[in-house]
Amino acid sequence: MKKNNLNLFIIVIIGRAFDILTTYISGGGSLAGEMNLLVRYFHYGWNAILLSELIIIIIAYVFLKKQTDFFYFEAEKKITKSNLTFKKYLELLYYGRKITFLELFYAKIKLKIIFNTAIHIFLISTAIFSFLIGVNNLLAGANYLNLYSLSNNIFYQNNIVKMSNFFVSLIVIIIYHFNRYKKYLNYKKTNANE
């Protein structure tokens, strides 16, 4: 496994473990008030939660072990232009050509790139949300400055969790693509003589 992928894998494991541990501590072993879909809608217990976490970790491991920058660099090697703007880079990476705004909705897209990106963004977002939820669990469990009732009102009743999921994921998507763009520019710079 590549170093970056190994780092991401370790962060996901630590984040998920932090979330589970703080859920257990703040609930005193009870899953009352747990937001996990398996618990809320299917009334599963700790065994199902731990099994689902194990499945997430196994899927992350398999993907990150086999995944390299292959999909990106194969697509990026075909981009012969250098000094591309970020927008043009994304167009060529995902579509192989310049597109108009309306073509975003019907032009043929490179699914391998989309799949690879989606998995990475899911894992990065999962790690971020695991730590945020863990901190919320600690605040709720400690009833620190009565933040438990505040956190219940803010996070669960007013859909801020859904909004924060959207905005954090959007930020992760943008940062992820800028990072890919920087790697592409460095790759083109170091391989300019080839």
N, C-alpha and C. Protein backbone atom coordinates (compact mmCIF):
# COMPACT_ATOMS: atom_id res chain seq x y z
N MET A 1 0.85 -1.17 0.00
CA MET A 1 0.00 0.00 0.00
C MET A 1 0.90 1.24 0.00
N LYS A 2 0.54 2.20 -0.85
CA LYS A 2 1.31 3.45 -0.91
C LYS A 2 1.19 4.22 0.40
N LYS A 3 2.21 5.05 0.66
CA LYS A 3 2.27 5.77 1.93
C LYS A 3 1.03 6.65 2.16
N ASN A 4 0.60 7.40 1.14
CA ASN A 4 -0.58 8.26 1.30
C ASN A 4 -1.83 7.44 1.60
N ASN A 5 -1.96 6.31 0.90
CA ASN A 5 -3.12 5.45 1.14
C ASN A 5 -3.06 4.82 2.52
N LEU A 6 -1.86 4.43 2.96
CA LEU A 6 -1.70 3.86 4.30
C LEU A 6 -2.05 4.90 5.35
N ASN A 7 -1.61 6.13 5.16
CA ASN A 7 -1.96 7.21 6.10
C ASN A 7 -3.46 7.42 6.16
N LEU A 8 -4.12 7.46 5.01
CA LEU A 8 -5.57 7.62 4.98
C LEU A 8 -6.25 6.45 5.68
N PHE A 9 -5.80 5.23 5.43
CA PHE A 9 -6.37 4.04 6.05
C PHE A 9 -6.25 4.12 7.57
N ILE A 10 -5.09 4.51 8.06
CA ILE A 10 -4.87 4.61 9.51
C ILE A 10 -5.77 5.70 10.10
N ILE A 11 -5.90 6.83 9.42
CA ILE A 11 -6.76 7.91 9.91
C ILE A 11 -8.21 7.48 9.96
N VAL A 12 -8.66 6.73 8.94
CA VAL A 12 -10.04 6.23 8.95
C VAL A 12 -10.25 5.28 10.13
N ILE A 13 -9.30 4.37 10.37
CA ILE A 13 -9.43 3.44 11.50
C ILE A 13 -9.48 4.20 12.82
N ILE A 14 -8.56 5.14 13.01
CA ILE A 14 -8.54 5.91 14.26
C ILE A 14 -9.84 6.70 14.42
N GLY A 15 -10.31 7.32 13.34
CA GLY A 15 -11.56 8.09 13.40
C GLY A 15 -12.75 7.22 13.75
N ARG A 16 -12.87 6.06 13.11
CA ARG A 16 -14.00 5.18 13.40
C ARG A 16 -13.92 4.64 14.83
N ALA A 17 -12.70 4.30 15.28
CA ALA A 17 -12.53 3.81 16.65
C ALA A 17 -12.88 4.91 17.66
N PHE A 18 -12.47 6.14 17.36
CA PHE A 18 -12.79 7.28 18.23
C PHE A 18 -14.30 7.47 18.32
N ASP A 19 -14.98 7.40 17.21
CA ASP A 19 -16.44 7.54 17.19
C ASP A 19 -17.10 6.44 18.02
N ILE A 20 -16.69 5.18 17.81
CA ILE A 20 -17.29 4.07 18.55
C ILE A 20 -17.02 4.19 20.05
N LEU A 21 -15.77 4.49 20.39
CA LEU A 21 -15.40 4.61 21.80
C LEU A 21 -16.17 5.74 22.48
N THR A 22 -16.26 6.89 21.83
CA THR A 22 -16.98 8.01 22.45
C THR A 22 -18.48 7.76 22.49
N THR A 23 -19.01 7.02 21.52
CA THR A 23 -20.42 6.62 21.57
C THR A 23 -20.67 5.75 22.79
N TYR A 24 -19.78 4.81 23.02
CA TYR A 24 -19.92 3.91 24.16
C TYR A 24 -19.80 4.68 25.48
N ILE A 25 -18.80 5.56 25.56
CA ILE A 25 -18.56 6.31 26.79
C ILE A 25 -19.72 7.27 27.07
N SER A 26 -20.14 8.03 26.06
CA SER A 26 -21.18 9.04 26.29
C SER A 26 -22.54 8.40 26.57
N GLY A 27 -22.79 7.23 26.03
CA GLY A 27 -24.07 6.57 26.25
C GLY A 27 -24.05 5.59 27.39
N GLY A 28 -22.90 5.42 28.04
CA GLY A 28 -22.81 4.46 29.13
C GLY A 28 -23.06 3.04 28.65
N GLY A 29 -22.70 2.77 27.41
CA GLY A 29 -22.92 1.44 26.84
C GLY A 29 -24.27 1.31 26.14
N SER A 30 -25.12 2.29 26.32
CA SER A 30 -26.44 2.28 25.69
C SER A 30 -26.36 2.95 24.32
N LEU A 31 -27.21 2.52 23.43
CA LEU A 31 -27.26 3.15 22.10
C LEU A 31 -28.45 4.10 21.96
N ALA A 32 -29.05 4.46 23.07
CA ALA A 32 -30.16 5.42 23.04
C ALA A 32 -29.64 6.74 22.50
N GLY A 33 -30.32 7.28 21.53
CA GLY A 33 -29.92 8.55 20.93
C GLY A 33 -28.88 8.41 19.84
N GLU A 34 -28.46 7.19 19.55
CA GLU A 34 -27.45 6.97 18.50
C GLU A 34 -28.04 7.33 17.13
N MET A 35 -27.25 8.00 16.31
CA MET A 35 -27.73 8.46 15.01
C MET A 35 -27.42 7.47 13.88
N ASN A 36 -26.67 6.42 14.16
CA ASN A 36 -26.34 5.41 13.15
C ASN A 36 -27.64 4.84 12.59
N LEU A 37 -27.73 4.73 11.28
CA LEU A 37 -28.95 4.25 10.63
C LEU A 37 -29.34 2.85 11.06
N LEU A 38 -28.34 1.99 11.28
CA LEU A 38 -28.64 0.63 11.72
C LEU A 38 -29.35 0.62 13.07
N VAL A 39 -29.00 1.55 13.91
CA VAL A 39 -29.61 1.63 15.24
C VAL A 39 -30.95 2.36 15.17
N ARG A 40 -30.96 3.50 14.51
CA ARG A 40 -32.18 4.32 14.48
C ARG A 40 -33.35 3.65 13.78
N TYR A 41 -33.10 3.04 12.63
CA TYR A 41 -34.20 2.53 11.83
C TYR A 41 -34.39 1.02 11.93
N PHE A 42 -33.31 0.30 12.22
CA PHE A 42 -33.42 -1.15 12.27
C PHE A 42 -33.26 -1.70 13.68
N HIS A 43 -32.96 -0.83 14.63
CA HIS A 43 -32.84 -1.19 16.04
C HIS A 43 -31.79 -2.26 16.30
N TYR A 44 -30.70 -2.20 15.57
CA TYR A 44 -29.60 -3.14 15.78
C TYR A 44 -28.79 -2.70 16.98
N GLY A 45 -28.00 -3.62 17.50
CA GLY A 45 -27.18 -3.33 18.67
C GLY A 45 -25.71 -3.19 18.33
N TRP A 46 -24.90 -3.33 19.38
CA TRP A 46 -23.46 -3.15 19.24
C TRP A 46 -22.83 -4.12 18.26
N ASN A 47 -23.29 -5.37 18.25
CA ASN A 47 -22.70 -6.36 17.34
C ASN A 47 -22.84 -5.93 15.88
N ALA A 48 -24.01 -5.43 15.52
CA ALA A 48 -24.23 -4.99 14.14
C ALA A 48 -23.39 -3.75 13.82
N ILE A 49 -23.26 -2.86 14.78
CA ILE A 49 -22.44 -1.66 14.55
C ILE A 49 -20.98 -2.06 14.36
N LEU A 50 -20.47 -2.92 15.22
CA LEU A 50 -19.08 -3.35 15.09
C LEU A 50 -18.85 -4.11 13.79
N LEU A 51 -19.81 -4.94 13.38
CA LEU A 51 -19.70 -5.66 12.11
C LEU A 51 -19.70 -4.69 10.94
N SER A 52 -20.58 -3.68 10.98
CA SER A 52 -20.61 -2.70 9.88
C SER A 52 -19.30 -1.90 9.82
N GLU A 53 -18.73 -1.59 10.97
CA GLU A 53 -17.45 -0.88 11.00
C GLU A 53 -16.34 -1.75 10.42
N LEU A 54 -16.36 -3.04 10.76
CA LEU A 54 -15.37 -3.96 10.22
C LEU A 54 -15.49 -4.05 8.69
N ILE A 55 -16.71 -4.06 8.20
CA ILE A 55 -16.94 -4.12 6.74
C ILE A 55 -16.39 -2.86 6.08
N ILE A 56 -16.63 -1.70 6.67
CA ILE A 56 -16.11 -0.44 6.13
C ILE A 56 -14.59 -0.48 6.09
N ILE A 57 -13.97 -0.96 7.16
CA ILE A 57 -12.51 -1.03 7.23
C ILE A 57 -11.96 -2.00 6.18
N ILE A 58 -12.61 -3.13 6.00
CA ILE A 58 -12.15 -4.11 5.01
C ILE A 58 -12.27 -3.54 3.60
N ILE A 59 -13.39 -2.90 3.30
CA ILE A 59 -13.58 -2.29 1.97
C ILE A 59 -12.52 -1.21 1.74
N ALA A 60 -12.28 -0.38 2.76
CA ALA A 60 -11.25 0.66 2.64
C ALA A 60 -9.88 0.04 2.39
N TYR A 61 -9.58 -1.02 3.12
CA TYR A 61 -8.28 -1.67 2.96
C TYR A 61 -8.12 -2.25 1.55
N VAL A 62 -9.13 -2.97 1.09
CA VAL A 62 -9.05 -3.59 -0.24
C VAL A 62 -8.89 -2.52 -1.31
N PHE A 63 -9.68 -1.47 -1.21
CA PHE A 63 -9.60 -0.41 -2.22
C PHE A 63 -8.24 0.28 -2.19
N LEU A 64 -7.80 0.68 -1.00
CA LEU A 64 -6.56 1.44 -0.89
C LEU A 64 -5.34 0.57 -1.18
N LYS A 65 -5.42 -0.73 -0.90
CA LYS A 65 -4.30 -1.63 -1.19
C LYS A 65 -4.09 -1.76 -2.69
N LYS A 66 -5.20 -1.91 -3.43
CA LYS A 66 -5.10 -2.11 -4.87
C LYS A 66 -5.01 -0.79 -5.64
N GLN A 67 -5.55 0.26 -5.06
CA GLN A 67 -5.63 1.53 -5.75
C GLN A 67 -4.28 2.22 -5.77
N THR A 68 -3.95 2.72 -6.91
CA THR A 68 -2.78 3.56 -7.06
C THR A 68 -3.24 4.81 -7.79
N ASP A 69 -2.33 5.58 -8.25
CA ASP A 69 -2.70 6.74 -9.05
C ASP A 69 -2.91 6.35 -10.51
N PHE A 70 -3.03 5.04 -10.78
CA PHE A 70 -3.12 4.55 -12.14
C PHE A 70 -4.20 5.25 -12.95
N PHE A 71 -5.42 5.29 -12.42
CA PHE A 71 -6.52 5.88 -13.18
C PHE A 71 -6.26 7.34 -13.50
N TYR A 72 -5.73 8.06 -12.52
CA TYR A 72 -5.44 9.46 -12.75
C TYR A 72 -4.31 9.63 -13.74
N PHE A 73 -3.19 8.97 -13.48
CA PHE A 73 -2.02 9.22 -14.31
C PHE A 73 -2.20 8.70 -15.73
N GLU A 74 -2.95 7.63 -15.91
CA GLU A 74 -3.23 7.19 -17.28
C GLU A 74 -4.04 8.25 -18.01
N ALA A 75 -5.00 8.83 -17.32
CA ALA A 75 -5.80 9.90 -17.93
C ALA A 75 -4.97 11.17 -18.09
N GLU A 76 -4.13 11.46 -17.09
CA GLU A 76 -3.33 12.68 -17.13
C GLU A 76 -2.23 12.61 -18.18
N LYS A 77 -1.70 11.42 -18.43
CA LYS A 77 -0.66 11.28 -19.46
C LYS A 77 -1.21 11.62 -20.84
N LYS A 78 -2.51 11.41 -21.01
CA LYS A 78 -3.14 11.71 -22.30
C LYS A 78 -3.37 13.20 -22.49
N ILE A 79 -3.29 13.95 -21.41
CA ILE A 79 -3.44 15.41 -21.49
C ILE A 79 -2.08 15.96 -21.91
N THR A 80 -2.00 16.38 -23.15
CA THR A 80 -0.70 16.82 -23.69
C THR A 80 -0.43 18.29 -23.43
N LYS A 81 -1.47 19.06 -23.20
CA LYS A 81 -1.28 20.49 -22.96
C LYS A 81 -0.70 20.71 -21.58
N SER A 82 0.18 21.69 -21.50
CA SER A 82 0.71 22.05 -20.19
C SER A 82 0.19 23.44 -19.83
N ASN A 83 0.43 23.86 -18.61
CA ASN A 83 -0.04 25.15 -18.12
C ASN A 83 -1.55 25.31 -18.25
N LEU A 84 -2.27 24.25 -17.94
CA LEU A 84 -3.73 24.30 -17.99
C LEU A 84 -4.28 25.01 -16.76
N THR A 85 -5.40 25.66 -16.93
CA THR A 85 -6.10 26.20 -15.77
C THR A 85 -6.76 25.02 -15.05
N PHE A 86 -7.17 25.26 -13.83
CA PHE A 86 -7.82 24.21 -13.04
C PHE A 86 -9.07 23.69 -13.74
N LYS A 87 -9.87 24.61 -14.27
CA LYS A 87 -11.10 24.23 -14.95
C LYS A 87 -10.81 23.37 -16.18
N LYS A 88 -9.85 23.77 -16.99
CA LYS A 88 -9.52 22.99 -18.19
C LYS A 88 -8.94 21.63 -17.82
N TYR A 89 -8.16 21.59 -16.74
CA TYR A 89 -7.62 20.32 -16.27
C TYR A 89 -8.76 19.36 -15.93
N LEU A 90 -9.76 19.84 -15.18
CA LEU A 90 -10.89 18.99 -14.81
C LEU A 90 -11.67 18.53 -16.03
N GLU A 91 -11.88 19.42 -16.98
CA GLU A 91 -12.59 19.05 -18.21
C GLU A 91 -11.88 17.92 -18.94
N LEU A 92 -10.57 18.08 -19.12
CA LEU A 92 -9.80 17.07 -19.83
C LEU A 92 -9.69 15.78 -19.04
N LEU A 93 -9.58 15.88 -17.73
CA LEU A 93 -9.47 14.69 -16.90
C LEU A 93 -10.76 13.87 -16.91
N TYR A 94 -11.88 14.52 -16.71
CA TYR A 94 -13.15 13.81 -16.59
C TYR A 94 -13.86 13.56 -17.92
N TYR A 95 -13.65 14.43 -18.90
CA TYR A 95 -14.37 14.31 -20.16
C TYR A 95 -13.46 14.07 -21.36
N GLY A 96 -12.19 14.36 -21.23
CA GLY A 96 -11.26 14.18 -22.34
C GLY A 96 -11.29 15.30 -23.35
N ARG A 97 -12.08 16.32 -23.09
CA ARG A 97 -12.20 17.45 -24.01
C ARG A 97 -12.83 18.63 -23.27
N LYS A 98 -12.77 19.79 -23.93
CA LYS A 98 -13.41 20.98 -23.38
C LYS A 98 -14.93 20.80 -23.51
N ILE A 99 -15.66 21.17 -22.48
CA ILE A 99 -17.12 21.04 -22.53
C ILE A 99 -17.78 22.35 -22.11
N THR A 100 -19.02 22.48 -22.51
CA THR A 100 -19.82 23.64 -22.09
C THR A 100 -20.54 23.29 -20.79
N PHE A 101 -21.15 24.28 -20.18
CA PHE A 101 -21.88 24.03 -18.93
C PHE A 101 -23.00 23.02 -19.14
N LEU A 102 -23.76 23.15 -20.21
CA LEU A 102 -24.87 22.22 -20.45
C LEU A 102 -24.39 20.79 -20.69
N GLU A 103 -23.21 20.65 -21.27
CA GLU A 103 -22.67 19.32 -21.53
C GLU A 103 -22.31 18.57 -20.24
N LEU A 104 -22.19 19.29 -19.14
CA LEU A 104 -21.96 18.63 -17.86
C LEU A 104 -23.04 17.59 -17.57
N PHE A 105 -24.24 17.82 -18.07
CA PHE A 105 -25.38 16.99 -17.74
C PHE A 105 -25.57 15.80 -18.69
N TYR A 106 -24.89 15.80 -19.83
CA TYR A 106 -25.11 14.67 -20.75
C TYR A 106 -23.84 14.14 -21.42
N ALA A 107 -22.74 14.83 -21.31
CA ALA A 107 -21.52 14.36 -21.97
C ALA A 107 -21.01 13.09 -21.30
N LYS A 108 -20.37 12.25 -22.09
CA LYS A 108 -19.82 11.00 -21.57
C LYS A 108 -18.66 11.32 -20.64
N ILE A 109 -18.70 10.72 -19.45
CA ILE A 109 -17.69 10.99 -18.42
C ILE A 109 -16.89 9.72 -18.19
N LYS A 110 -15.65 9.87 -17.72
CA LYS A 110 -14.78 8.73 -17.45
C LYS A 110 -15.14 8.14 -16.08
N LEU A 111 -15.83 7.02 -16.08
CA LEU A 111 -16.36 6.45 -14.85
C LEU A 111 -15.28 5.95 -13.89
N LYS A 112 -14.14 5.48 -14.41
CA LYS A 112 -13.08 5.01 -13.52
C LYS A 112 -12.55 6.16 -12.67
N ILE A 113 -12.44 7.33 -13.27
CA ILE A 113 -11.97 8.50 -12.53
C ILE A 113 -13.01 8.90 -11.49
N ILE A 114 -14.27 8.90 -11.86
CA ILE A 114 -15.35 9.25 -10.93
C ILE A 114 -15.37 8.27 -9.76
N PHE A 115 -15.29 6.97 -10.04
CA PHE A 115 -15.31 5.96 -8.99
C PHE A 115 -14.14 6.15 -8.03
N ASN A 116 -12.96 6.30 -8.57
CA ASN A 116 -11.76 6.49 -7.76
C ASN A 116 -11.89 7.73 -6.87
N THR A 117 -12.35 8.81 -7.45
CA THR A 117 -12.53 10.05 -6.71
C THR A 117 -13.58 9.88 -5.61
N ALA A 118 -14.69 9.25 -5.95
CA ALA A 118 -15.78 9.07 -4.98
C ALA A 118 -15.32 8.25 -3.77
N ILE A 119 -14.56 7.20 -3.99
CA ILE A 119 -14.08 6.37 -2.88
C ILE A 119 -13.14 7.18 -1.99
N HIS A 120 -12.20 7.90 -2.60
CA HIS A 120 -11.28 8.71 -1.79
C HIS A 120 -12.03 9.78 -0.99
N ILE A 121 -12.96 10.45 -1.62
CA ILE A 121 -13.70 11.50 -0.94
C ILE A 121 -14.55 10.91 0.18
N PHE A 122 -15.15 9.74 -0.07
CA PHE A 122 -15.93 9.07 0.98
C PHE A 122 -15.05 8.75 2.19
N LEU A 123 -13.87 8.21 1.94
CA LEU A 123 -13.00 7.83 3.06
C LEU A 123 -12.49 9.06 3.81
N ILE A 124 -12.11 10.10 3.10
CA ILE A 124 -11.65 11.32 3.76
C ILE A 124 -12.78 11.95 4.57
N SER A 125 -13.97 12.03 3.98
CA SER A 125 -15.13 12.60 4.67
C SER A 125 -15.50 11.75 5.89
N THR A 126 -15.42 10.42 5.75
CA THR A 126 -15.72 9.53 6.87
C THR A 126 -14.78 9.81 8.03
N ALA A 127 -13.50 9.97 7.74
CA ALA A 127 -12.54 10.26 8.80
C ALA A 127 -12.86 11.58 9.48
N ILE A 128 -13.15 12.62 8.71
CA ILE A 128 -13.46 13.94 9.27
C ILE A 128 -14.72 13.86 10.14
N PHE A 129 -15.78 13.25 9.61
CA PHE A 129 -17.03 13.17 10.37
C PHE A 129 -16.88 12.30 11.62
N SER A 130 -16.05 11.28 11.55
CA SER A 130 -15.83 10.43 12.72
C SER A 130 -15.27 11.25 13.88
N PHE A 131 -14.30 12.11 13.58
CA PHE A 131 -13.72 12.94 14.63
C PHE A 131 -14.71 14.00 15.13
N LEU A 132 -15.47 14.61 14.22
CA LEU A 132 -16.46 15.60 14.64
C LEU A 132 -17.55 14.97 15.51
N ILE A 133 -18.02 13.81 15.12
CA ILE A 133 -19.07 13.14 15.89
C ILE A 133 -18.51 12.67 17.23
N GLY A 134 -17.25 12.20 17.23
CA GLY A 134 -16.63 11.79 18.49
C GLY A 134 -16.54 12.93 19.48
N VAL A 135 -16.15 14.11 19.01
CA VAL A 135 -16.09 15.28 19.90
C VAL A 135 -17.49 15.62 20.41
N ASN A 136 -18.49 15.57 19.53
CA ASN A 136 -19.86 15.82 19.95
C ASN A 136 -20.29 14.80 21.00
N ASN A 137 -19.90 13.53 20.81
CA ASN A 137 -20.24 12.50 21.79
C ASN A 137 -19.61 12.80 23.15
N LEU A 138 -18.36 13.23 23.14
CA LEU A 138 -17.69 13.56 24.40
C LEU A 138 -18.38 14.71 25.11
N LEU A 139 -18.76 15.73 24.33
CA LEU A 139 -19.48 16.87 24.93
C LEU A 139 -20.82 16.42 25.49
N ALA A 140 -21.51 15.57 24.74
CA ALA A 140 -22.81 15.08 25.20
C ALA A 140 -22.66 14.22 26.44
N GLY A 141 -21.66 13.35 26.45
CA GLY A 141 -21.46 12.46 27.59
C GLY A 141 -21.05 13.20 28.84
N ALA A 142 -20.28 14.24 28.70
CA ALA A 142 -19.82 15.00 29.86
C ALA A 142 -20.85 16.03 30.29
N ASN A 143 -21.86 16.25 29.44
CA ASN A 143 -22.83 17.31 29.67
C ASN A 143 -22.11 18.61 29.99
N TYR A 144 -21.04 18.84 29.24
CA TYR A 144 -20.15 19.97 29.45
C TYR A 144 -20.89 21.28 29.19
N LEU A 145 -21.07 22.07 30.25
CA LEU A 145 -21.78 23.37 30.17
C LEU A 145 -23.16 23.23 29.55
N ASN A 146 -23.82 22.12 29.84
CA ASN A 146 -25.15 21.83 29.30
C ASN A 146 -25.17 21.81 27.77
N LEU A 147 -24.07 21.45 27.18
CA LEU A 147 -24.03 21.39 25.72
C LEU A 147 -24.75 20.18 25.15
N TYR A 148 -25.08 19.21 26.02
CA TYR A 148 -25.80 18.04 25.52
C TYR A 148 -27.15 18.46 24.96
N SER A 149 -27.91 19.24 25.73
CA SER A 149 -29.21 19.67 25.23
C SER A 149 -29.03 20.62 24.06
N LEU A 150 -27.98 21.45 24.11
CA LEU A 150 -27.70 22.34 22.98
C LEU A 150 -27.34 21.53 21.74
N SER A 151 -26.47 20.52 21.91
CA SER A 151 -26.07 19.74 20.75
C SER A 151 -27.24 18.95 20.18
N ASN A 152 -28.13 18.44 21.05
CA ASN A 152 -29.31 17.74 20.53
C ASN A 152 -30.17 18.68 19.71
N ASN A 153 -30.39 19.89 20.22
CA ASN A 153 -31.22 20.85 19.50
C ASN A 153 -30.57 21.28 18.20
N ILE A 154 -29.30 21.60 18.25
CA ILE A 154 -28.63 22.11 17.06
C ILE A 154 -28.38 21.01 16.04
N PHE A 155 -27.73 19.94 16.47
CA PHE A 155 -27.25 18.96 15.52
C PHE A 155 -28.34 18.04 14.99
N TYR A 156 -29.28 17.67 15.81
CA TYR A 156 -30.19 16.62 15.39
C TYR A 156 -31.58 17.12 14.99
N GLN A 157 -32.04 18.20 15.58
CA GLN A 157 -33.39 18.64 15.28
C GLN A 157 -33.44 19.68 14.18
N ASN A 158 -32.36 20.38 13.94
CA ASN A 158 -32.37 21.45 12.95
C ASN A 158 -31.61 21.11 11.68
N ASN A 159 -31.31 19.86 11.48
CA ASN A 159 -30.66 19.37 10.25
C ASN A 159 -29.30 19.99 9.98
N ILE A 160 -28.62 20.47 11.00
CA ILE A 160 -27.28 21.01 10.79
C ILE A 160 -26.32 19.90 10.41
N VAL A 161 -26.57 18.69 10.90
CA VAL A 161 -25.70 17.56 10.52
C VAL A 161 -25.75 17.38 9.01
N LYS A 162 -26.94 17.41 8.44
CA LYS A 162 -27.06 17.24 6.99
C LYS A 162 -26.36 18.37 6.25
N MET A 163 -26.53 19.59 6.73
CA MET A 163 -25.88 20.72 6.08
C MET A 163 -24.38 20.63 6.22
N SER A 164 -23.90 20.25 7.42
CA SER A 164 -22.46 20.16 7.61
C SER A 164 -21.88 19.03 6.78
N ASN A 165 -22.61 17.93 6.63
CA ASN A 165 -22.17 16.84 5.75
C ASN A 165 -21.96 17.36 4.34
N PHE A 166 -22.91 18.13 3.86
CA PHE A 166 -22.82 18.67 2.50
C PHE A 166 -21.62 19.60 2.36
N PHE A 167 -21.48 20.55 3.29
CA PHE A 167 -20.41 21.54 3.16
C PHE A 167 -19.03 20.93 3.38
N VAL A 168 -18.90 20.04 4.34
CA VAL A 168 -17.60 19.39 4.55
C VAL A 168 -17.25 18.56 3.33
N SER A 169 -18.22 17.82 2.80
CA SER A 169 -17.95 17.01 1.60
C SER A 169 -17.58 17.90 0.41
N LEU A 170 -18.25 19.02 0.26
CA LEU A 170 -17.92 19.95 -0.82
C LEU A 170 -16.50 20.48 -0.67
N ILE A 171 -16.12 20.84 0.55
CA ILE A 171 -14.76 21.32 0.80
C ILE A 171 -13.74 20.22 0.50
N VAL A 172 -14.05 19.00 0.91
CA VAL A 172 -13.15 17.87 0.65
C VAL A 172 -13.00 17.66 -0.85
N ILE A 173 -14.09 17.75 -1.60
CA ILE A 173 -14.05 17.57 -3.06
C ILE A 173 -13.14 18.63 -3.69
N ILE A 174 -13.31 19.87 -3.29
CA ILE A 174 -12.51 20.96 -3.87
C ILE A 174 -11.03 20.79 -3.53
N ILE A 175 -10.74 20.54 -2.26
CA ILE A 175 -9.34 20.38 -1.85
C ILE A 175 -8.72 19.17 -2.53
N TYR A 176 -9.46 18.09 -2.62
CA TYR A 176 -8.96 16.87 -3.26
C TYR A 176 -8.58 17.15 -4.72
N HIS A 177 -9.44 17.86 -5.43
CA HIS A 177 -9.16 18.13 -6.84
C HIS A 177 -8.01 19.12 -7.01
N PHE A 178 -7.92 20.11 -6.13
CA PHE A 178 -6.77 21.02 -6.21
C PHE A 178 -5.47 20.27 -5.96
N ASN A 179 -5.51 19.32 -5.03
CA ASN A 179 -4.32 18.50 -4.77
C ASN A 179 -3.95 17.68 -6.01
N ARG A 180 -4.93 17.08 -6.67
CA ARG A 180 -4.68 16.32 -7.90
C ARG A 180 -4.11 17.25 -8.98
N TYR A 181 -4.65 18.43 -9.07
CA TYR A 181 -4.19 19.41 -10.06
C TYR A 181 -2.72 19.78 -9.80
N LYS A 182 -2.37 20.02 -8.54
CA LYS A 182 -0.98 20.32 -8.20
C LYS A 182 -0.06 19.15 -8.56
N LYS A 183 -0.50 17.93 -8.28
CA LYS A 183 0.29 16.75 -8.64
C LYS A 183 0.48 16.67 -10.15
N TYR A 184 -0.58 16.97 -10.88
CA TYR A 184 -0.50 16.95 -12.34
C TYR A 184 0.52 17.98 -12.84
N LEU A 185 0.46 19.19 -12.31
CA LEU A 185 1.41 20.24 -12.73
C LEU A 185 2.85 19.83 -12.40
N ASN A 186 3.06 19.25 -11.24
CA ASN A 186 4.40 18.77 -10.87
C ASN A 186 4.85 17.64 -11.80
N TYR A 187 3.93 16.76 -12.12
CA TYR A 187 4.25 15.65 -13.03
C TYR A 187 4.65 16.19 -14.40
N LYS A 188 3.89 17.15 -14.91
CA LYS A 188 4.19 17.73 -16.22
C LYS A 188 5.53 18.48 -16.18
N LYS A 189 5.80 19.16 -15.08
CA LYS A 189 7.04 19.92 -14.96
C LYS A 189 8.24 18.97 -14.95
N THR A 190 8.16 17.88 -14.18
CA THR A 190 9.30 16.96 -14.08
C THR A 190 9.46 16.11 -15.31
N ASN A 191 8.40 15.91 -16.08
CA ASN A 191 8.47 15.08 -17.29
C ASN A 191 8.37 15.91 -18.57
N ALA A 192 8.71 17.18 -18.49
CA ALA A 192 8.59 18.07 -19.65
C ALA A 192 9.53 17.67 -20.78
N ASN A 193 10.65 17.07 -20.46
CA ASN A 193 11.64 16.72 -21.48
C ASN A 193 11.32 15.42 -22.21
N GLU A 194 10.36 14.65 -21.71
CA GLU A 194 10.06 13.36 -22.35
C GLU A 194 9.27 13.53 -23.63
